[in-house]
């Protein structure tokens, strides 16, 4: 019997841009479709290597389906 694919969850990750002193630090939220929270944070860090990232929550399966998120995808929301 083939192994099941791990369930994918849409995790939201807060990303803080570096403070350059001239402007207020920016905060953006990304969604990452991953099998666990650590993989989601790592995926967002790969996209934004210079920013501070923090797991902030999840999206419902229904909303993730409406956004047509694919496994491994990272998207700003």
Protein backbone atom coordinates (compact mmCIF):
# COMPACT_ATOMS: atom_id res chain seq x y z
CA UNK A 1 0.00 0.00 0.00
CA UNK A 2 1.54 3.38 -0.99
CA UNK A 3 2.26 5.88 1.75
CA UNK A 4 -0.19 8.76 2.11
CA UNK A 5 0.91 12.28 1.29
CA UNK A 6 1.19 14.43 4.43
CA UNK A 7 -1.73 16.79 4.96
CA UNK A 8 -0.93 20.30 3.77
CA UNK A 9 -1.98 23.28 5.87
CA UNK A 10 -1.98 26.98 4.94
CA UNK A 11 0.15 28.65 7.62
CA UNK A 12 0.31 32.42 7.95
CA UNK A 13 3.73 33.89 8.67
CA UNK A 14 4.39 37.50 9.74
CA UNK A 15 7.43 39.08 8.07
CA UNK A 16 9.10 42.20 9.48
CA UNK A 17 11.38 44.11 7.14
CA UNK A 18 14.65 45.41 8.54
CA UNK A 19 14.45 48.84 10.18
CA UNK A 20 16.46 51.25 8.02
CA UNK A 21 15.96 54.18 10.39
CA UNK A 22 14.28 56.36 7.76
CA UNK A 23 10.91 54.61 7.64
CA UNK A 24 8.86 52.63 10.10
CA UNK A 25 9.60 48.90 9.85
CA UNK A 26 7.17 47.21 7.48
CA UNK A 27 5.07 44.20 8.40
CA UNK A 28 3.66 41.83 5.81
CA UNK A 29 1.82 38.55 6.11
CA UNK A 30 2.59 35.59 3.86
CA UNK A 31 0.77 32.31 3.53
CA UNK A 32 2.78 29.13 3.02
CA UNK A 33 1.23 25.78 2.13
CA UNK A 34 3.26 23.21 4.07
CA UNK A 35 2.98 19.98 6.03
CA UNK A 36 4.16 21.50 9.33
CA UNK A 37 4.81 24.96 10.85
CA UNK A 38 8.61 24.70 10.68
CA UNK A 39 8.49 23.93 6.96
CA UNK A 40 6.21 26.95 6.42
CA UNK A 41 8.57 29.30 8.27
CA UNK A 42 11.56 27.89 6.36
CA UNK A 43 9.77 28.40 3.03
CA UNK A 44 9.03 32.04 3.84
CA UNK A 45 12.61 32.59 5.06
CA UNK A 46 13.84 31.28 1.70
CA UNK A 47 11.76 33.97 -0.05
CA UNK A 48 12.65 36.77 2.42
CA UNK A 49 16.15 35.90 3.76
CA UNK A 50 16.92 39.30 5.33
CA UNK A 51 13.63 39.67 7.23
CA UNK A 52 12.52 38.47 10.65
CA UNK A 53 9.74 35.89 10.36
CA UNK A 54 7.28 34.54 12.90
CA UNK A 55 4.49 31.99 12.61
CA UNK A 56 1.17 33.74 13.17
CA UNK A 57 -1.57 31.19 12.50
CA UNK A 58 -3.39 29.15 9.86
CA UNK A 59 -6.05 29.60 7.23
CA UNK A 60 -9.05 27.31 6.99
CA UNK A 61 -9.00 24.51 4.43
CA UNK A 62 -11.91 26.19 2.69
CA UNK A 63 -10.10 29.52 2.32
CA UNK A 64 -6.89 27.79 1.17
CA UNK A 65 -8.92 26.00 -1.50
CA UNK A 66 -10.51 29.28 -2.65
CA UNK A 67 -7.05 30.83 -2.93
CA UNK A 68 -5.97 27.77 -4.97
CA UNK A 69 -2.81 27.32 -2.91
CA UNK A 70 -0.53 24.49 -3.97
CA UNK A 71 1.83 22.49 -1.71
CA UNK A 72 5.08 24.39 -1.19
CA UNK A 73 3.65 27.69 -2.45
CA UNK A 74 4.43 30.95 -0.62
CA UNK A 75 2.30 34.00 -1.37
CA UNK A 76 1.83 37.44 0.24
CA UNK A 77 -1.71 38.10 1.44
